[in-house]
C-alpha atoms as a PDB file:
ATOM      1  CA  MET A   1     -42.727  49.683 -37.230  1.00  0.00           C
ATOM      2  CA  SER A   2     -40.767  49.301 -34.180  1.00  0.00           C
ATOM      3  CA  THR A   3     -37.188  50.725 -34.467  1.00  0.00           C
ATOM      4  CA  GLU A   4     -36.257  49.515 -30.860  1.00  0.00           C
ATOM      5  CA  PRO A   5     -33.519  46.968 -30.793  1.00  0.00           C
ATOM      6  CA  THR A   6     -34.556  43.343 -29.654  1.00  0.00           C
ATOM      7  CA  THR A   7     -32.738  41.038 -27.195  1.00  0.00           C
ATOM      8  CA  GLU A   8     -31.838  37.621 -28.267  1.00  0.00           C
ATOM      9  CA  PRO A   9     -32.874  35.275 -25.301  1.00  0.00           C
ATOM     10  CA  THR A  10     -29.417  33.589 -23.888  1.00  0.00           C
ATOM     11  CA  THR A  11     -28.380  29.756 -25.064  1.00  0.00           C
ATOM     12  CA  GLU A  12     -25.491  30.215 -22.793  1.00  0.00           C
ATOM     13  CA  PRO A  13     -26.294  27.383 -20.115  1.00  0.00           C
ATOM     14  CA  THR A  14     -26.565  27.798 -16.327  1.00  0.00           C
ATOM     15  CA  HIS A  15     -24.094  26.745 -13.855  1.00  0.00           C
ATOM     16  CA  ASP A  16     -26.927  24.368 -12.426  1.00  0.00           C
ATOM     17  CA  GLU A  17     -27.882  22.990 -16.233  1.00  0.00           C
ATOM     18  CA  THR A  18     -24.245  22.420 -16.768  1.00  0.00           C
ATOM     19  CA  ARG A  19     -23.472  20.765 -13.307  1.00  0.00           C
ATOM     20  CA  ALA A  20     -26.444  18.641 -14.253  1.00  0.00           C
ATOM     21  CA  ALA A  21     -24.984  17.947 -17.348  1.00  0.00           C
ATOM     22  CA  LEU A  22     -21.816  16.819 -16.011  1.00  0.00           C
ATOM     23  CA  ASP A  23     -23.263  14.468 -13.471  1.00  0.00           C
ATOM     24  CA  ARG A  24     -25.485  12.569 -15.861  1.00  0.00           C
ATOM     25  CA  ALA A  25     -22.197  12.148 -17.911  1.00  0.00           C
ATOM     26  CA  ALA A  26     -20.190  10.771 -15.149  1.00  0.00           C
ATOM     27  CA  ARG A  27     -23.269   8.427 -13.998  1.00  0.00           C
ATOM     28  CA  GLU A  28     -23.068   7.061 -17.841  1.00  0.00           C
ATOM     29  CA  ALA A  29     -19.060   6.842 -17.716  1.00  0.00           C
ATOM     30  CA  ALA A  30     -19.043   5.010 -14.427  1.00  0.00           C
ATOM     31  CA  GLY A  31     -19.332   1.701 -16.207  1.00  0.00           C
ATOM     32  CA  GLN A  32     -16.240   2.046 -18.404  1.00  0.00           C
ATOM     33  CA  VAL A  33     -14.131   3.349 -15.516  1.00  0.00           C
ATOM     34  CA  VAL A  34     -14.709   0.695 -13.876  1.00  0.00           C
ATOM     35  CA  ALA A  35     -13.724  -1.972 -16.800  1.00  0.00           C
ATOM     36  CA  TRP A  36     -10.597   0.541 -17.415  1.00  0.00           C
ATOM     37  CA  ARG A  37      -9.690  -0.160 -13.674  1.00  0.00           C
ATOM     38  CA  HIS A  38      -9.879  -3.667 -13.941  1.00  0.00           C
ATOM     39  CA  HIS A  39      -7.771  -3.936 -17.064  1.00  0.00           C
ATOM     40  CA  LEU A  40      -4.901  -1.280 -15.643  1.00  0.00           C
ATOM     41  CA  HIS A  41      -5.315  -3.884 -12.335  1.00  0.00           C
ATOM     42  CA  ARG A  42      -4.734  -6.726 -14.411  1.00  0.00           C
ATOM     43  CA  ASN A  43      -2.006  -5.293 -16.525  1.00  0.00           C
ATOM     44  CA  PRO A  44       0.348  -3.077 -14.273  1.00  0.00           C
ATOM     45  CA  GLU A  45       3.823  -1.697 -15.581  1.00  0.00           C
ATOM     46  CA  LEU A  46       6.694  -0.457 -13.595  1.00  0.00           C
ATOM     47  CA  PRO A  47       7.948   3.162 -13.375  1.00  0.00           C
ATOM     48  CA  ASN A  48       9.445   4.311 -16.740  1.00  0.00           C
ATOM     49  CA  ARG A  49       8.041   1.196 -18.337  1.00  0.00           C
ATOM     50  CA  GLU A  50       4.399   1.988 -18.782  1.00  0.00           C
ATOM     51  CA  GLU A  51       4.434   1.496 -22.665  1.00  0.00           C
ATOM     52  CA  LYS A  52       0.932  -0.007 -22.656  1.00  0.00           C
ATOM     53  CA  THR A  53      -0.708   1.869 -20.033  1.00  0.00           C
ATOM     54  CA  ALA A  54       0.518   5.225 -22.025  1.00  0.00           C
ATOM     55  CA  ALA A  55      -0.962   4.026 -25.229  1.00  0.00           C
ATOM     56  CA  LEU A  56      -4.527   2.938 -23.962  1.00  0.00           C
ATOM     57  CA  VAL A  57      -4.280   6.654 -22.248  1.00  0.00           C
ATOM     58  CA  ALA A  58      -3.424   8.312 -25.517  1.00  0.00           C
ATOM     59  CA  GLY A  59      -5.722   6.020 -27.764  1.00  0.00           C
ATOM     60  CA  HIS A  60      -8.711   7.036 -25.695  1.00  0.00           C
ATOM     61  CA  LEU A  61      -8.091  11.338 -25.537  1.00  0.00           C
ATOM     62  CA  ARG A  62      -7.525  10.779 -29.247  1.00  0.00           C
ATOM     63  CA  SER A  63     -10.624   9.119 -29.664  1.00  0.00           C
ATOM     64  CA  LEU A  64     -12.119  12.163 -27.810  1.00  0.00           C
ATOM     65  CA  GLY A  65     -11.478  14.738 -30.313  1.00  0.00           C
ATOM     66  CA  LEU A  66      -9.178  16.583 -27.998  1.00  0.00           C
ATOM     67  CA  ASP A  67      -7.273  19.807 -29.231  1.00  0.00           C
ATOM     68  CA  GLU A  68      -4.098  17.928 -28.395  1.00  0.00           C
ATOM     69  CA  VAL A  69      -2.561  14.926 -27.390  1.00  0.00           C
ATOM     70  CA  ARG A  70       1.333  14.779 -26.520  1.00  0.00           C
ATOM     71  CA  THR A  71       2.699  11.644 -25.984  1.00  0.00           C
ATOM     72  CA  GLY A  72       6.492  10.629 -24.866  1.00  0.00           C
ATOM     73  CA  ILE A  73       6.710  13.289 -22.191  1.00  0.00           C
ATOM     74  CA  ALA A  74       9.941  12.069 -19.804  1.00  0.00           C
ATOM     75  CA  GLY A  75       9.277   8.851 -20.952  1.00  0.00           C
ATOM     76  CA  HIS A  76       5.792   7.473 -20.964  1.00  0.00           C
ATOM     77  CA  GLY A  77       3.980  10.448 -19.843  1.00  0.00           C
ATOM     78  CA  VAL A  78       0.687  12.017 -21.726  1.00  0.00           C
ATOM     79  CA  VAL A  79      -0.969  15.273 -21.980  1.00  0.00           C
ATOM     80  CA  GLY A  80      -4.172  16.095 -23.416  1.00  0.00           C
ATOM     81  CA  VAL A  81      -5.463  19.547 -24.268  1.00  0.00           C
ATOM     82  CA  LEU A  82      -9.012  20.282 -24.063  1.00  0.00           C
ATOM     83  CA  ARG A  83     -10.181  24.045 -25.116  1.00  0.00           C
ATOM     84  CA  GLY A  84     -13.475  24.670 -24.019  1.00  0.00           C
ATOM     85  CA  GLY A  85     -16.287  26.374 -26.214  1.00  0.00           C
ATOM     86  CA  LEU A  86     -16.721  29.410 -23.924  1.00  0.00           C
ATOM     87  CA  PRO A  87     -14.276  32.284 -23.375  1.00  0.00           C
ATOM     88  CA  GLY A  88     -11.989  31.888 -20.163  1.00  0.00           C
ATOM     89  CA  PRO A  89      -8.510  32.838 -18.869  1.00  0.00           C
ATOM     90  CA  ARG A  90      -8.184  29.894 -16.411  1.00  0.00           C
ATOM     91  CA  THR A  91      -6.438  26.401 -17.477  1.00  0.00           C
ATOM     92  CA  ALA A  92      -7.395  23.354 -15.089  1.00  0.00           C
ATOM     93  CA  ALA A  93      -4.806  20.761 -14.974  1.00  0.00           C
ATOM     94  CA  LEU A  94      -5.905  17.232 -13.818  1.00  0.00           C
ATOM     95  CA  ARG A  95      -3.516  14.616 -12.767  1.00  0.00           C
ATOM     96  CA  ALA A  96      -2.727  11.230 -12.477  1.00  0.00           C
ATOM     97  CA  ASP A  97       0.021   8.832 -11.942  1.00  0.00           C
ATOM     98  CA  ILE A  98       0.162   5.654 -14.113  1.00  0.00           C
ATOM     99  CA  ASP A  99       3.052   3.536 -12.930  1.00  0.00           C
ATOM    100  CA  ALA A 100       2.845   0.258 -10.907  1.00  0.00           C
ATOM    101  CA  LEU A 101       5.182  -0.968  -7.590  1.00  0.00           C
ATOM    102  CA  PRO A 102       7.599  -4.026  -7.726  1.00  0.00           C
ATOM    103  CA  VAL A 103       4.966  -6.235  -5.307  1.00  0.00           C
ATOM    104  CA  ARG A 104       2.821  -9.304  -5.210  1.00  0.00           C
ATOM    105  CA  ASP A 105      -0.616  -8.477  -6.020  1.00  0.00           C
ATOM    106  CA  LEU A 106      -2.582  -9.986  -2.677  1.00  0.00           C
ATOM    107  CA  CYS A 107      -5.861  -8.673  -3.571  1.00  0.00           C
ATOM    108  CA  GLY A 108      -7.565 -11.903  -4.010  1.00  0.00           C
ATOM    109  CA  ALA A 109     -10.014 -10.248  -7.172  1.00  0.00           C
ATOM    110  CA  ASP A 110     -10.786 -11.917 -10.195  1.00  0.00           C
ATOM    111  CA  PHE A 111      -8.516  -9.028 -11.726  1.00  0.00           C
ATOM    112  CA  ALA A 112      -5.514  -9.582  -9.722  1.00  0.00           C
ATOM    113  CA  SER A 113      -2.054  -9.192 -11.489  1.00  0.00           C
ATOM    114  CA  GLU A 114       0.009 -11.946 -12.407  1.00  0.00           C
ATOM    115  CA  THR A 115       2.693  -9.740 -13.904  1.00  0.00           C
ATOM    116  CA  VAL A 116       6.330 -10.236 -13.563  1.00  0.00           C
ATOM    117  CA  ASP A 117       8.763  -7.901 -14.702  1.00  0.00           C
ATOM    118  CA  PRO A 118      12.046 -10.294 -15.521  1.00  0.00           C
ATOM    119  CA  ASP A 119      14.028  -6.995 -16.611  1.00  0.00           C
ATOM    120  CA  TYR A 120      13.648  -4.398 -14.012  1.00  0.00           C
ATOM    121  CA  PRO A 121      16.865  -3.452 -12.422  1.00  0.00           C
ATOM    122  CA  GLY A 122      17.429  -5.652  -9.285  1.00  0.00           C
ATOM    123  CA  GLY A 123      14.250  -8.375 -10.433  1.00  0.00           C
ATOM    124  CA  PRO A 124      12.573 -10.239 -11.537  1.00  0.00           C
ATOM    125  CA  PHE A 125       9.857  -8.507  -9.593  1.00  0.00           C
ATOM    126  CA  PRO A 126       6.119  -9.143  -9.419  1.00  0.00           C
ATOM    127  CA  VAL A 127       4.074  -6.303 -10.307  1.00  0.00           C
ATOM    128  CA  SER A 128       0.612  -4.988  -9.066  1.00  0.00           C
ATOM    129  CA  HIS A 129      -1.461  -1.588  -8.646  1.00  0.00           C
ATOM    130  CA  ALA A 130      -0.706  -1.556  -4.785  1.00  0.00           C
ATOM    131  CA  CYS A 131      -1.116   2.131  -4.431  1.00  0.00           C
ATOM    132  CA  GLY A 132      -4.099   2.760  -6.469  1.00  0.00           C
ATOM    133  CA  HIS A 133      -2.529   4.241  -9.768  1.00  0.00           C
ATOM    134  CA  ASP A 134      -5.114   1.999 -11.574  1.00  0.00           C
ATOM    135  CA  CYS A 135      -7.900   3.997  -9.932  1.00  0.00           C
ATOM    136  CA  HIS A 136      -6.175   7.110 -10.655  1.00  0.00           C
ATOM    137  CA  THR A 137      -5.464   6.405 -14.256  1.00  0.00           C
ATOM    138  CA  ALA A 138      -9.096   5.183 -14.730  1.00  0.00           C
ATOM    139  CA  MET A 139     -10.807   7.792 -13.256  1.00  0.00           C
ATOM    140  CA  LEU A 140      -8.910  10.576 -15.376  1.00  0.00           C
ATOM    141  CA  MET A 141      -9.759   9.024 -18.448  1.00  0.00           C
ATOM    142  CA  GLY A 142     -13.424   9.011 -17.293  1.00  0.00           C
ATOM    143  CA  ALA A 143     -12.902  12.787 -16.360  1.00  0.00           C
ATOM    144  CA  ALA A 144     -11.872  13.274 -19.977  1.00  0.00           C
ATOM    145  CA  SER A 145     -14.908  11.663 -21.286  1.00  0.00           C
ATOM    146  CA  VAL A 146     -17.324  13.651 -19.563  1.00  0.00           C
ATOM    147  CA  LEU A 147     -15.612  17.206 -20.012  1.00  0.00           C
ATOM    148  CA  ALA A 148     -15.032  16.160 -23.676  1.00  0.00           C
ATOM    149  CA  GLY A 149     -18.680  15.760 -24.070  1.00  0.00           C
ATOM    150  CA  ALA A 150     -19.120  18.926 -22.546  1.00  0.00           C
ATOM    151  CA  ARG A 151     -16.910  21.102 -24.338  1.00  0.00           C
ATOM    152  CA  GLU A 152     -19.473  23.884 -25.645  1.00  0.00           C
ATOM    153  CA  ARG A 153     -20.301  24.205 -22.076  1.00  0.00           C
ATOM    154  CA  LEU A 154     -16.503  25.142 -20.469  1.00  0.00           C
ATOM    155  CA  PRO A 155     -14.919  28.394 -19.848  1.00  0.00           C
ATOM    156  CA  GLY A 156     -11.191  28.163 -20.562  1.00  0.00           C
ATOM    157  CA  THR A 157      -8.810  24.925 -20.417  1.00  0.00           C
ATOM    158  CA  VAL A 158      -8.203  21.680 -19.264  1.00  0.00           C
ATOM    159  CA  LEU A 159      -5.294  19.666 -19.189  1.00  0.00           C
ATOM    160  CA  PHE A 160      -5.068  15.856 -18.503  1.00  0.00           C
ATOM    161  CA  VAL A 161      -1.987  15.149 -17.103  1.00  0.00           C
ATOM    162  CA  PHE A 162      -0.877  11.307 -16.786  1.00  0.00           C
ATOM    163  CA  GLN A 163       2.501  11.023 -15.064  1.00  0.00           C
ATOM    164  CA  PRO A 164       4.981   8.155 -15.411  1.00  0.00           C
ATOM    165  CA  ALA A 165       7.183   6.796 -12.641  1.00  0.00           C
ATOM    166  CA  GLU A 166       5.662   8.539  -9.833  1.00  0.00           C
ATOM    167  CA  GLU A 167       6.864   5.953  -7.422  1.00  0.00           C
ATOM    168  CA  GLY A 168      10.311   6.725  -8.321  1.00  0.00           C
ATOM    169  CA  PRO A 169      12.414   5.496 -11.459  1.00  0.00           C
ATOM    170  CA  PRO A 170      15.149   3.148 -10.854  1.00  0.00           C
ATOM    171  CA  VAL A 171      18.225   5.128  -9.352  1.00  0.00           C
ATOM    172  CA  THR A 172      20.071   4.967 -12.921  1.00  0.00           C
ATOM    173  CA  GLU A 173      17.252   6.503 -14.748  1.00  0.00           C
ATOM    174  CA  ALA A 174      15.324   9.886 -14.689  1.00  0.00           C
ATOM    175  CA  GLY A 175      11.793  10.432 -14.464  1.00  0.00           C
ATOM    176  CA  GLY A 176       8.627  11.200 -12.809  1.00  0.00           C
ATOM    177  CA  ALA A 177       7.389  14.914 -11.775  1.00  0.00           C
ATOM    178  CA  ARG A 178      10.364  17.043 -12.075  1.00  0.00           C
ATOM    179  CA  ALA A 179      11.397  15.359 -15.459  1.00  0.00           C
ATOM    180  CA  MET A 180       7.841  15.960 -16.996  1.00  0.00           C
ATOM    181  CA  LEU A 181       7.806  19.359 -15.769  1.00  0.00           C
ATOM    182  CA  ALA A 182      11.436  19.646 -17.215  1.00  0.00           C
ATOM    183  CA  ALA A 183      10.288  18.262 -20.594  1.00  0.00           C
ATOM    184  CA  GLY A 184       7.296  21.115 -20.785  1.00  0.00           C
ATOM    185  CA  ALA A 185       4.162  19.375 -19.656  1.00  0.00           C
ATOM    186  CA  PHE A 186       2.950  22.636 -18.364  1.00  0.00           C
ATOM    187  CA  ALA A 187       4.806  25.225 -20.762  1.00  0.00           C
ATOM    188  CA  ASP A 188       1.842  25.553 -22.847  1.00  0.00           C
ATOM    189  CA  PRO A 189      -0.944  26.472 -21.817  1.00  0.00           C
ATOM    190  CA  VAL A 190       0.665  27.185 -18.507  1.00  0.00           C
ATOM    191  CA  PRO A 191      -2.169  25.953 -15.807  1.00  0.00           C
ATOM    192  CA  SER A 192      -3.459  28.540 -13.160  1.00  0.00           C
ATOM    193  CA  MET A 193      -4.281  25.293 -11.121  1.00  0.00           C
ATOM    194  CA  VAL A 194      -3.640  21.651 -10.754  1.00  0.00           C
ATOM    195  CA  PHE A 195      -5.908  18.826  -9.047  1.00  0.00           C
ATOM    196  CA  GLY A 196      -4.949  15.606  -8.375  1.00  0.00           C
ATOM    197  CA  LEU A 197      -6.859  12.729  -6.468  1.00  0.00           C
ATOM    198  CA  HIS A 198      -5.536   9.621  -4.622  1.00  0.00           C
ATOM    199  CA  VAL A 199      -7.806   6.684  -3.488  1.00  0.00           C
ATOM    200  CA  THR A 200      -8.209   6.157   0.382  1.00  0.00           C
ATOM    201  CA  PRO A 201     -10.499   4.172   2.587  1.00  0.00           C
ATOM    202  CA  TYR A 202     -12.979   6.737   3.547  1.00  0.00           C
ATOM    203  CA  PRO A 203     -16.885   5.842   3.737  1.00  0.00           C
ATOM    204  CA  LYS A 204     -18.260   5.592   0.473  1.00  0.00           C
ATOM    205  CA  GLY A 205     -19.242   9.101  -0.551  1.00  0.00           C
ATOM    206  CA  TYR A 206     -17.070  10.992   1.348  1.00  0.00           C
ATOM    207  CA  VAL A 207     -13.991  13.040  -0.168  1.00  0.00           C
ATOM    208  CA  GLY A 208     -11.185  14.339   1.661  1.00  0.00           C
ATOM    209  CA  TYR A 209      -8.973  17.660   0.310  1.00  0.00           C
ATOM    210  CA  ARG A 210      -6.196  20.198   0.910  1.00  0.00           C
ATOM    211  CA  ILE A 211      -4.829  23.260  -0.267  1.00  0.00           C
ATOM    212  CA  GLY A 212      -1.534  23.683  -0.897  1.00  0.00           C
ATOM    213  CA  LYS A 213       1.050  21.177  -3.105  1.00  0.00           C
ATOM    214  CA  GLY A 214      -0.648  18.648  -4.722  1.00  0.00           C
ATOM    215  CA  ALA A 215      -0.063  15.256  -6.392  1.00  0.00           C
ATOM    216  CA  LEU A 216       2.546  16.676  -9.388  1.00  0.00           C
ATOM    217  CA  SER A 217       5.112  18.379  -7.025  1.00  0.00           C
ATOM    218  CA  VAL A 218       8.818  18.688  -7.660  1.00  0.00           C
ATOM    219  CA  GLY A 219       9.949  17.043  -4.553  1.00  0.00           C
ATOM    220  CA  PRO A 220      12.148  13.876  -4.375  1.00  0.00           C
ATOM    221  CA  PRO A 221      11.138  10.405  -6.347  1.00  0.00           C
ATOM    222  CA  GLY A 222       8.649   8.752  -4.416  1.00  0.00           C
ATOM    223  CA  VAL A 223       6.913  11.763  -2.599  1.00  0.00           C
ATOM    224  CA  ALA A 224       5.467  13.373  -5.791  1.00  0.00           C
END
């Protein structure tokens, strides 16, 4: 009988297999992402008043069985933590903004906003997602679905960061990126990279990018 050690076949997925699995999951999630976007567009909330939006996000993240879902960060901020099934030292943060603007919705779509906030300082104001935050939020919820479904293939950790008051809170209130950082949104774990995505009228299938300070910066309100 041979006493030579045997080598067990590896079961760790290849990069190509992982990419293919993520692509399939993204295609499957696309319809739900569109439905979320339409719902959010129809039901916008102004800075520091994103209560229902945050509840929708947190409920979805909890349904995915993430390792942690933190709420109430700097107002209505939400952070989800997904620890991958493979060892890895890096933590990637994916960030979206969740607030809307005090402007009338002129898009003409059947999911257009008719929301009016009577209590916002200086109001009442009509409210709409005129800057794409409905898209950002829906896309990040979809990314959470896809990555949570591939947890065992992922090395390291992913943070899903949903930031309120990106457009700047009322002058008498604190909020936004600086407040989230001060409240410890990135304290544990500390991300080694942060990615933010913005919608823009590029041709279909094109993505623009730059390296440097991203969407979750510590600049003045309205710039982050």
